[in-house]
Protein backbone atom coordinates (compact mmCIF):
# COMPACT_ATOMS: atom_id res chain seq x y z
CA MET A 1 -84.03 176.52 102.62
CA ASN A 2 -86.98 174.24 101.75
CA GLU A 3 -88.93 175.29 104.85
CA LYS A 4 -88.26 178.98 104.22
CA LEU A 5 -89.57 178.74 100.67
CA MET A 6 -92.55 176.62 101.71
CA LYS A 7 -93.44 179.38 104.18
CA GLU A 8 -93.63 181.71 101.17
CA ALA A 9 -96.05 179.30 99.48
CA ILE A 10 -98.07 179.20 102.71
CA LYS A 11 -98.32 183.01 102.63
CA ARG A 12 -99.93 182.71 99.20
CA ALA A 13 -102.27 179.99 100.46
CA ARG A 14 -103.40 182.33 103.24
CA ARG A 15 -104.27 184.92 100.56
CA ALA A 16 -106.56 182.35 98.96
CA LEU A 17 -108.15 181.60 102.32
CA VAL A 18 -109.03 185.28 102.80
CA ILE A 19 -111.08 185.26 99.57
CA ASP A 20 -112.76 181.90 100.36
CA GLU A 21 -110.65 179.93 97.90
CA MET A 22 -109.15 176.57 98.77
CA PRO A 23 -105.91 177.62 100.50
CA ILE A 24 -103.26 176.40 98.11
CA GLY A 25 -100.25 178.54 97.31
CA ALA A 26 -97.23 178.07 95.08
CA VAL A 27 -93.94 179.82 94.43
CA ILE A 28 -91.38 179.21 91.69
CA VAL A 29 -87.74 179.75 92.52
CA LYS A 30 -84.70 180.24 90.29
CA ASP A 31 -81.19 180.69 91.71
CA GLY A 32 -82.63 180.98 95.22
CA HIS A 33 -85.02 183.82 94.35
CA ILE A 34 -88.79 183.72 93.95
CA ILE A 35 -89.59 184.64 90.36
CA ALA A 36 -93.33 183.88 90.37
CA SER A 37 -96.14 182.87 92.67
CA GLY A 38 -99.81 182.07 92.66
CA TYR A 39 -102.73 180.94 94.76
CA ASN A 40 -106.00 179.27 93.89
CA ARG A 41 -108.50 181.46 92.03
CA ARG A 42 -110.92 178.86 90.63
CA GLU A 43 -113.96 180.07 92.53
CA THR A 44 -113.40 183.81 92.28
CA LYS A 45 -112.54 183.72 88.57
CA LYS A 46 -114.92 180.83 87.72
CA ASN A 47 -112.14 179.01 85.86
CA ALA A 48 -111.18 175.36 86.46
CA LEU A 49 -107.61 176.01 85.28
CA LEU A 50 -106.70 178.59 87.90
CA HIS A 51 -104.87 176.37 90.35
CA ALA A 52 -101.99 177.94 92.28
CA GLU A 53 -99.39 175.95 90.32
CA ILE A 54 -100.79 176.88 86.90
CA ILE A 55 -100.87 180.57 87.81
CA ALA A 56 -97.28 180.41 89.12
CA ILE A 57 -96.02 178.52 86.05
CA ASN A 58 -97.73 180.99 83.72
CA ARG A 59 -96.17 183.95 85.54
CA ALA A 60 -92.72 182.32 85.57
CA CYS A 61 -92.89 181.70 81.82
CA LYS A 62 -93.79 185.34 81.23
CA ARG A 63 -91.03 186.52 83.55
CA LEU A 64 -88.37 184.36 81.89
CA GLY A 65 -89.67 184.85 78.35
CA GLY A 66 -90.15 181.19 77.46
CA TRP A 67 -91.99 178.01 78.33
CA ARG A 68 -88.99 176.05 79.59
CA LEU A 69 -88.45 176.55 83.31
CA THR A 70 -85.24 174.53 83.49
CA GLY A 71 -83.29 175.53 86.57
CA CYS A 72 -86.48 176.36 88.46
CA ASP A 73 -88.13 174.68 91.43
CA MET A 74 -91.73 174.88 92.59
CA TYR A 75 -92.92 174.90 96.19
CA VAL A 76 -96.64 174.21 96.65
CA THR A 77 -98.69 173.65 99.78
CA LEU A 78 -100.62 170.62 98.46
CA GLU A 79 -99.45 167.69 96.36
CA PRO A 80 -100.14 168.54 92.70
CA CYS A 81 -103.20 167.17 90.92
CA PRO A 82 -102.90 165.52 87.47
CA MET A 83 -103.22 168.83 85.62
CA CYS A 84 -100.62 170.61 87.74
CA ALA A 85 -98.18 167.69 87.74
CA GLY A 86 -98.48 167.56 83.95
CA ALA A 87 -97.89 171.30 83.68
CA ALA A 88 -94.78 171.02 85.87
CA ILE A 89 -93.44 168.27 83.61
CA ASN A 90 -94.25 170.21 80.44
CA ALA A 91 -92.59 173.33 81.86
CA ARG A 92 -89.44 171.29 82.57
CA LEU A 93 -89.22 172.24 86.26
CA ASP A 94 -86.25 170.64 88.02
CA ASN A 95 -87.87 170.00 91.41
CA VAL A 96 -91.31 170.10 92.99
CA TYR A 97 -91.58 170.36 96.76
CA PHE A 98 -94.99 170.11 98.41
CA GLY A 99 -96.46 170.30 101.88
CA ALA A 100 -99.58 168.20 102.44
CA TYR A 101 -100.16 164.87 100.72
CA ASP A 102 -103.40 164.44 98.75
CA LYS A 103 -104.27 160.77 99.08
CA ASN A 104 -107.30 161.08 96.76
CA SER A 105 -105.92 162.92 93.75
CA GLY A 106 -102.25 163.68 94.39
CA CYS A 107 -100.13 162.84 91.38
CA ALA A 108 -96.64 163.30 92.78
CA LYS A 109 -96.56 160.50 95.35
CA SER A 110 -100.02 159.49 96.60
CA ALA A 111 -102.70 158.34 94.12
CA VAL A 112 -100.28 158.27 91.16
CA ASP A 113 -96.67 159.35 90.73
CA LEU A 114 -96.50 161.06 87.34
CA PHE A 115 -93.03 162.39 88.09
CA SER A 116 -91.45 158.95 88.13
CA MET A 117 -93.21 157.41 85.14
CA ASN A 118 -90.84 156.12 82.47
CA LEU A 119 -93.30 157.13 79.75
CA LEU A 120 -92.54 160.82 80.09
CA SER A 121 -89.61 162.64 78.53
CA HIS A 122 -88.79 164.88 81.48
CA LYS A 123 -88.15 163.68 85.01
CA ILE A 124 -88.80 165.89 88.02
CA ASN A 125 -87.34 165.33 91.43
CA CYS A 126 -90.12 165.53 94.01
CA GLU A 127 -90.24 165.74 97.79
CA GLY A 128 -93.37 165.91 99.92
CA GLY A 129 -94.21 166.57 103.54
CA ILE A 130 -92.42 169.91 103.92
CA LEU A 131 -94.22 171.78 106.74
CA GLU A 132 -96.96 169.22 106.21
CA ASP A 133 -98.86 169.92 109.43
CA GLU A 134 -99.14 173.64 108.72
CA CYS A 135 -100.20 173.08 105.10
CA ARG A 136 -102.75 170.42 106.09
CA GLY A 137 -104.03 172.65 108.90
CA LEU A 138 -104.90 175.42 106.45
CA LEU A 139 -106.90 172.99 104.34
CA GLN A 140 -108.65 171.50 107.37
CA SER A 141 -109.68 174.93 108.66
CA PHE A 142 -111.00 175.84 105.20
CA PHE A 143 -113.17 172.71 104.98
CA LYS A 144 -114.34 173.08 108.58
CA LYS A 145 -115.48 176.63 107.81
CA LEU A 146 -117.14 175.44 104.60
CA ARG A 147 -119.07 172.68 106.41
CA SER A 148 -120.27 175.08 109.10
CA ARG A 149 -122.07 177.29 106.54
């Protein structure tokens, strides 16, 4: 199930790649069904907040009619940054599953683990490395293309 849903996040990441955005995609799932998705739009919309996770969380909140996403899981192709990890906590997601680790700014396992901090009121279960090679490969091809310009 995790790989199938990560493949859906990868599809969204590929959409970002087509428009020269960093290829990060996210889907939010409730009761086994995708209720929202997003992909990076920072460059095209000139907005620092438009990470895949933030877009997906915003859409899920609208779809469910509230800010609490209890009972929902998020699948994202790259380990969440501080902003996105914080948004996942604030939205009360149950689980976050990610593909590639981000050793520099990942805040789910790598640089910091916000999800396991005892200071926060909501705990999120988190698992990384799902289809990691494919997720990392998308990012590597994006940066290779960027450097060649």
